Structure formats: C-alpha cells, structure tokens
Protein backbone atom coordinates (compact mmCIF):
# COMPACT_ATOMS: atom_id res chain seq x y z
CA MET A 1 81.21 137.90 229.03
CA LYS A 2 79.61 134.51 229.57
CA GLY A 3 77.19 134.45 232.46
CA GLN A 4 77.62 138.15 233.23
CA ALA A 5 75.86 141.11 231.61
CA ILE A 6 78.20 143.62 229.99
CA ARG A 7 77.55 147.22 230.92
CA TYR A 8 78.37 150.31 228.92
CA THR A 9 78.57 153.91 230.04
CA GLU A 10 76.38 156.59 228.50
CA ALA A 11 79.38 157.94 226.60
CA GLU A 12 80.17 154.48 225.25
CA MET A 13 76.57 153.89 224.18
CA ALA A 14 76.43 157.27 222.48
CA TRP A 15 79.65 156.52 220.59
CA LEU A 16 78.47 153.02 219.62
CA GLU A 17 75.19 154.32 218.25
CA ALA A 18 76.83 157.19 216.37
CA ASN A 19 79.38 154.85 214.72
CA ARG A 20 77.11 151.83 214.19
CA MET A 21 77.56 152.03 210.39
CA MET A 22 81.19 150.91 210.62
CA VAL A 23 82.29 147.45 209.50
CA ILE A 24 82.32 145.22 212.57
CA SER A 25 86.11 144.71 212.66
CA ASP A 26 86.81 148.46 212.45
CA TYR A 27 83.94 149.12 214.87
CA HIS A 28 85.52 146.88 217.50
CA ILE A 29 89.09 148.18 217.05
CA ALA A 30 88.01 151.82 217.24
CA PHE A 31 85.84 151.21 220.33
CA VAL A 32 88.59 149.38 222.24
CA ALA A 33 91.14 152.04 221.33
CA ARG A 34 88.84 154.89 222.42
CA PHE A 35 87.54 153.45 225.68
CA ASN A 36 90.23 150.88 226.57
CA ARG A 37 87.63 148.09 226.90
CA ASP A 38 89.72 144.93 226.54
CA ASP A 39 86.82 142.88 227.90
CA ILE A 40 84.72 143.54 224.77
CA THR A 41 84.92 141.43 221.63
CA ALA A 42 83.64 142.09 218.12
CA LEU A 43 80.90 139.52 218.76
CA HIS A 44 79.71 141.48 221.80
CA LEU A 45 79.35 144.63 219.71
CA HIS A 46 77.69 142.75 216.90
CA SER A 47 75.11 141.31 219.32
CA LEU A 48 74.56 144.71 220.92
CA ARG A 49 73.80 146.30 217.56
CA LYS A 50 71.25 143.58 216.82
CA ARG A 51 69.57 143.89 220.23
CA LYS A 52 69.28 147.65 219.87
CA GLY A 53 67.99 147.34 216.31
CA TRP A 54 70.66 149.69 214.99
CA LYS A 55 70.68 149.44 211.20
CA VAL A 56 74.05 149.45 209.47
CA GLY A 57 72.70 150.36 206.03
CA ARG A 58 74.11 147.31 204.28
CA ASP A 59 71.93 144.84 202.34
CA GLY A 60 74.38 141.96 202.01
CA SER A 61 75.83 143.01 198.63
CA ARG A 62 79.37 143.37 199.94
CA TYR A 63 82.63 141.49 199.60
CA LYS A 64 84.21 140.00 202.71
CA GLY A 65 82.65 142.67 204.94
CA ARG A 66 83.67 145.66 202.81
CA ARG A 67 81.46 147.05 200.08
CA LEU A 68 83.42 148.29 197.10
CA LYS A 69 82.81 151.90 196.19
CA TYR A 70 83.08 153.35 192.71
CA SER A 71 83.38 156.97 191.71
CA ASP A 72 80.93 158.63 189.35
CA ALA A 73 83.52 158.46 186.57
CA GLU A 74 84.06 154.75 187.17
CA ILE A 75 80.33 154.01 187.20
CA SER A 76 79.93 155.98 184.00
CA TRP A 77 82.71 153.98 182.30
CA LEU A 78 81.32 150.68 183.53
CA ARG A 79 77.83 151.53 182.26
CA GLU A 80 79.04 152.64 178.83
CA ASN A 81 81.22 149.55 178.35
CA CYS A 82 78.92 146.97 179.95
CA ALA A 83 78.52 145.07 176.66
CA LEU A 84 82.20 144.04 176.65
CA PRO A 85 83.08 140.38 177.34
CA ILE A 86 83.83 140.06 181.03
CA ALA A 87 87.60 139.52 180.60
CA ASP A 88 87.94 142.61 178.39
CA TYR A 89 85.58 144.52 180.73
CA HIS A 90 87.78 143.81 183.74
CA ALA A 91 91.08 144.45 181.94
CA GLY A 92 89.80 147.71 180.44
CA PHE A 93 88.53 148.96 183.79
CA GLN A 94 91.83 148.22 185.52
CA ALA A 95 93.78 149.92 182.73
CA ALA A 96 91.55 153.00 182.84
CA PHE A 97 91.41 153.49 186.62
CA GLY A 98 94.19 151.33 188.12
CA ARG A 99 91.75 149.53 190.44
CA THR A 100 93.49 146.37 191.69
CA ASP A 101 90.94 145.68 194.45
CA THR A 102 88.28 144.46 192.06
CA SER A 103 87.96 141.31 189.98
CA ALA A 104 86.08 140.09 186.94
CA GLY A 105 83.59 138.33 189.22
CA LYS A 106 82.90 141.54 191.16
CA LEU A 107 82.31 143.51 187.98
CA ARG A 108 79.97 140.78 186.71
CA SER A 109 78.00 140.99 189.96
CA LEU A 110 77.86 144.79 189.75
CA ARG A 111 76.59 144.56 186.19
CA LYS A 112 73.81 142.20 187.31
CA ARG A 113 72.80 144.36 190.28
CA LYS A 114 72.58 147.44 188.08
CA GLY A 115 70.58 145.57 185.46
CA TRP A 116 72.97 146.52 182.66
CA LYS A 117 72.28 144.27 179.68
CA THR A 118 75.15 142.94 177.59
CA GLY A 119 73.01 142.00 174.58
CA ARG A 120 74.19 138.39 174.83
CA ASP A 121 72.10 135.38 175.83
CA GLY A 122 74.73 132.64 175.46
CA ARG A 123 73.38 131.32 172.16
CA PHE A 124 75.15 131.21 168.81
CA VAL A 125 73.80 133.68 166.25
CA PRO A 126 73.43 132.93 162.52
CA GLY A 127 76.80 133.12 160.84
CA GLN A 128 78.81 132.97 164.06
CA ALA A 129 81.86 130.76 163.70
CA CYS A 130 82.41 127.85 166.07
CA LEU A 131 85.09 128.53 168.67
CA THR A 132 87.06 125.47 167.52
CA LYS A 133 86.73 126.17 163.80
CA GLY A 134 90.07 125.69 162.05
CA LYS A 135 91.70 124.30 165.17
CA LYS A 136 93.14 120.82 165.18
CA LEU A 137 91.99 118.92 168.20
CA GLY A 138 94.73 117.23 170.14
CA PRO A 139 95.13 113.43 170.13
CA ALA A 140 93.12 111.47 172.66
CA HIS A 141 94.92 110.26 175.77
CA PRO A 142 96.30 106.71 175.35
CA ASN A 143 94.18 105.48 178.25
CA ALA A 144 91.06 106.86 176.55
CA LYS A 145 91.96 105.27 173.22
CA ALA A 146 92.05 101.85 174.84
CA THR A 147 88.31 102.00 175.61
CA GLN A 148 87.10 103.75 172.44
CA PHE A 149 84.94 101.91 169.92
CA LYS A 150 86.78 100.85 166.81
CA PRO A 151 85.23 101.01 163.32
CA GLY A 152 82.92 98.03 162.86
CA GLN A 153 83.02 97.08 166.52
CA THR A 154 79.73 95.82 167.99
CA PRO A 155 78.81 96.79 171.58
CA ALA A 156 78.84 93.86 173.99
CA ASN A 157 75.27 94.59 175.13
CA ARG A 158 73.72 94.80 171.65
CA GLN A 159 70.93 92.28 171.25
CA PRO A 160 69.69 90.73 167.97
CA ILE A 161 66.27 91.19 166.41
CA GLY A 162 63.78 89.04 168.30
CA HIS A 163 65.45 89.49 171.70
CA GLU A 164 62.90 89.58 174.51
CA ARG A 165 62.88 91.23 177.90
CA LEU A 166 60.40 91.84 180.74
CA ASN A 167 59.66 95.49 181.55
CA GLY A 168 58.79 96.98 184.93
CA ASP A 169 55.04 96.61 184.33
CA GLY A 170 55.30 92.87 183.70
CA TYR A 171 54.86 93.01 179.91
CA VAL A 172 57.15 91.12 177.53
CA GLU A 173 58.99 93.34 175.07
CA ILE A 174 60.57 92.15 171.83
CA LYS A 175 63.18 93.83 169.63
CA VAL A 176 61.76 94.49 166.17
CA ALA A 177 63.12 95.95 162.93
CA GLN A 178 61.06 99.14 163.12
CA THR A 179 62.26 102.73 163.28
CA ASN A 180 62.17 104.13 166.78
CA PRO A 181 59.90 107.22 166.55
CA TRP A 182 61.72 108.98 169.41
CA THR A 183 65.38 108.33 168.53
CA GLY A 184 65.20 107.53 164.81
CA HIS A 185 67.13 104.30 165.34
CA LYS A 186 66.35 101.53 162.88
CA THR A 187 65.29 99.10 165.64
CA ARG A 188 63.17 99.39 168.75
CA TYR A 189 61.53 97.35 171.53
CA ALA A 190 57.75 96.84 171.29
CA HIS A 191 55.20 95.08 173.47
CA LYS A 192 55.27 91.52 172.19
CA HIS A 193 51.55 90.86 172.76
CA ARG A 194 50.58 93.90 170.68
CA HIS A 195 53.19 93.15 168.03
CA LEU A 196 51.82 89.61 167.54
CA TRP A 197 48.18 90.73 167.79
CA GLU A 198 48.63 93.36 165.07
CA GLN A 199 50.39 90.84 162.84
CA ALA A 200 47.28 88.65 163.11
CA ASN A 201 44.56 91.31 163.16
CA GLY A 202 45.99 94.49 161.69
CA PRO A 203 46.71 97.85 163.41
CA LEU A 204 44.96 98.46 166.70
CA PRO A 205 42.17 101.03 166.13
CA THR A 206 42.42 104.45 167.77
CA GLY A 207 40.79 104.56 171.21
CA MET A 208 41.19 100.82 171.70
CA ALA A 209 43.48 98.88 174.04
CA LEU A 210 44.41 95.24 174.37
CA LYS A 211 43.13 93.48 177.48
CA CYS A 212 44.71 90.24 178.73
CA LEU A 213 41.93 87.66 179.06
CA ASP A 214 43.57 85.15 181.44
CA GLY A 215 45.29 87.79 183.62
CA ASP A 216 48.79 86.58 182.68
CA LYS A 217 50.62 89.44 180.94
CA ALA A 218 53.45 87.10 179.95
CA ASN A 219 51.04 85.05 177.80
CA THR A 220 51.51 86.85 174.47
CA ASP A 221 49.32 84.52 172.36
CA PRO A 222 47.07 86.83 170.25
CA ALA A 223 44.07 84.70 171.25
CA ASN A 224 44.70 85.71 174.88
CA TRP A 225 44.23 89.41 174.12
CA GLU A 226 41.04 91.24 173.20
CA ALA A 227 40.73 94.74 171.78
CA VAL A 228 38.42 96.75 174.05
CA GLN A 229 37.59 100.42 174.34
CA ARG A 230 40.11 102.18 176.55
CA GLY A 231 37.30 103.63 178.67
CA LEU A 232 36.36 100.08 179.67
CA LEU A 233 39.62 99.42 181.51
CA PRO A 234 38.75 101.31 184.75
CA ARG A 235 35.75 98.98 185.17
CA LEU A 236 38.10 95.99 185.23
CA ASN A 237 40.92 97.15 187.52
CA GLY A 238 41.30 96.66 191.26
CA LYS A 239 39.91 100.08 192.18
CA SER A 240 36.56 99.14 190.66
CA GLY A 241 36.22 96.34 193.23
CA ARG A 242 36.20 93.65 190.53
CA ASN A 243 39.93 93.18 189.90
CA TYR A 244 39.48 91.19 186.72
CA ASP A 245 43.10 89.97 186.58
CA ALA A 246 42.94 88.34 190.03
CA ALA A 247 39.41 86.92 189.64
CA ASP A 248 38.66 83.22 189.30
CA PRO A 249 38.91 82.11 185.64
CA ALA A 250 35.32 80.82 185.80
CA VAL A 251 33.90 84.29 186.54
CA LYS A 252 36.19 86.35 184.27
CA PRO A 253 33.77 86.14 181.30
CA THR A 254 30.90 87.36 183.49
CA ILE A 255 32.95 90.30 184.83
CA MET A 256 33.92 91.25 181.27
CA ALA A 257 30.29 91.05 180.05
CA ILE A 258 29.00 93.22 182.93
CA ALA A 259 31.77 95.80 182.40
CA LYS A 260 30.97 96.00 178.67
CA LEU A 261 27.25 96.39 179.39
CA GLU A 262 27.84 99.18 181.93
CA HIS A 263 30.19 100.94 179.55
CA LYS A 264 27.67 100.70 176.71
CA VAL A 265 24.89 102.14 178.91
CA ARG A 266 27.16 104.97 179.94
CA GLU A 267 27.99 105.76 176.32
CA LEU A 268 24.29 105.84 175.40
CA GLN A 269 23.51 108.15 178.32
CA LYS A 270 26.28 110.51 177.26
CA GLY A 271 24.93 110.52 173.71
CA LYS A 272 21.43 111.48 174.91
CA CYS A 273 22.79 114.30 177.06
CA GLN A 274 24.77 115.71 174.16
CA ALA A 275 21.68 115.48 171.89
CA HIS A 276 19.61 117.49 174.39
CA ASP A 277 22.35 120.12 174.68
C-alpha cells in the first residue's frame, strides 16, 4: 500500500515463489483466495516478482497475457501445411482441430516464429494471371468522374515550350522540346544559360562546366558564360577565400587568371607524379 511496506509471511513467500510462473491475473486471484489477503493487488505481486528477480519463463510472445499452446499433432499439421495461403491455413486448422481460440493473425505469427517458409515472396511469377483478369471494374463514383481528365483536355498548369522559371539554386530554366532522359516525356526543363551556350558553341565537352563571368546567374547571355574545367570551380567559390561571384568586377579577371594558373600548375604536378610512378 502507498507509503507503507507490505509484509508477507514465510508461507506466503514460499507459495508466491513456487507459483511465480502463473499469469499475473490468475496469480493474484489464487493468492488472495488462499491467504485471504484483500490488501494485495495484482500490481503488488507483479512488483514483488520483479524485485525478487523471479523469472516467469515468458519471452513476450503471448497473446493478451496467455500464451497459446498447441499439441504435437497440431504443430505437426501446421508445419506440414505451412505453405497454404493464410485464410486457407486458418480455416483448415480450425476444421481439423476445432480450435476457436486462434486466429489467422496468430497462425501467421506462429509461422514466422518457427521460421516455416511458405515459398512465396509476394511477387508475381511468370505466367501468373492478374487477380482482376476477366473482371469488369465497376463504374467510377460520380464525384470522382467530375474531376477526371477528359480526352483531349489540357492540364491547367501545363506550360508552353519556352516557358521559364527560376530554380532553387538561382538558375533560370527553360522548357525545351527535348526528351526527358529520366521520364521519357517529349519535353523537359533545361538550364537556359547552358541551352543558349550550346546553341552558340556546340555541346559542352566532358569534364567542363560553365562559369558565370559577372556573378549574375540570371544573365543567360552566352557571352557571360565561360567553359572551364570542373576542377577549377573550388578555386573560385567562397570556401577558397576568393568568392569570385561576390568580388568587385574590376578584380574578377585577375581572380580567374590566378585560379587557372594554380589549376594548371596542379595538373602538371600530378602528371609528373604519375610519370614517376
């Protein structure tokens, strides 16, 4: 009881330890009936068992406090028929043994615990018919029909070729009549600066990137973009300490020239090291 230690006699403690394996509700009822201890609750006995470290022999795989038990014949039947679909498995087990205290979910859990394989992985096999094959699907609900696309209908958010938008990185994108390599759609959005640059200069070579010369990504004039080696870009960003984009326009050419020179020296040094190796 709250604020007062509960005491048990030696006979009570002996009985409690000997019967510790019982389910807690039965444990409490049997103890009260045997010793007439109306001052004891199931929670008291549960706490006592934990304090004493008395193991109950259960590992948590039980249903609402009571672990289902199966006879050897039942286990044998369940093992031999484990490949059945779960509905047939449950119905067959009930018909064979008259067990109304189990369910399809309990048999599925038992099958998993025992590691009995069903031979199914949830995927269709070659030649397997679709579940809806030959079945006529019912008509759509009238409320659903009202919002369905009609043949020839154009979505309200569809944009024409040439539509432009600004992406999260500050680059202008333009809708072009090119196949989208990821979705296969006949149109896609491309970076406008690269699209215009390639129209004027041809495809961008492998290993190259376009660098904005005036620092304004929205300026998509091909003359404002220069093809540089991708390895040069880290020498121009903010982490390098130069921050080319935010630099004064008068010193941008100098920063670019120094970065190119350093990159060239680095490439030559790498080539010499590889030659020695």
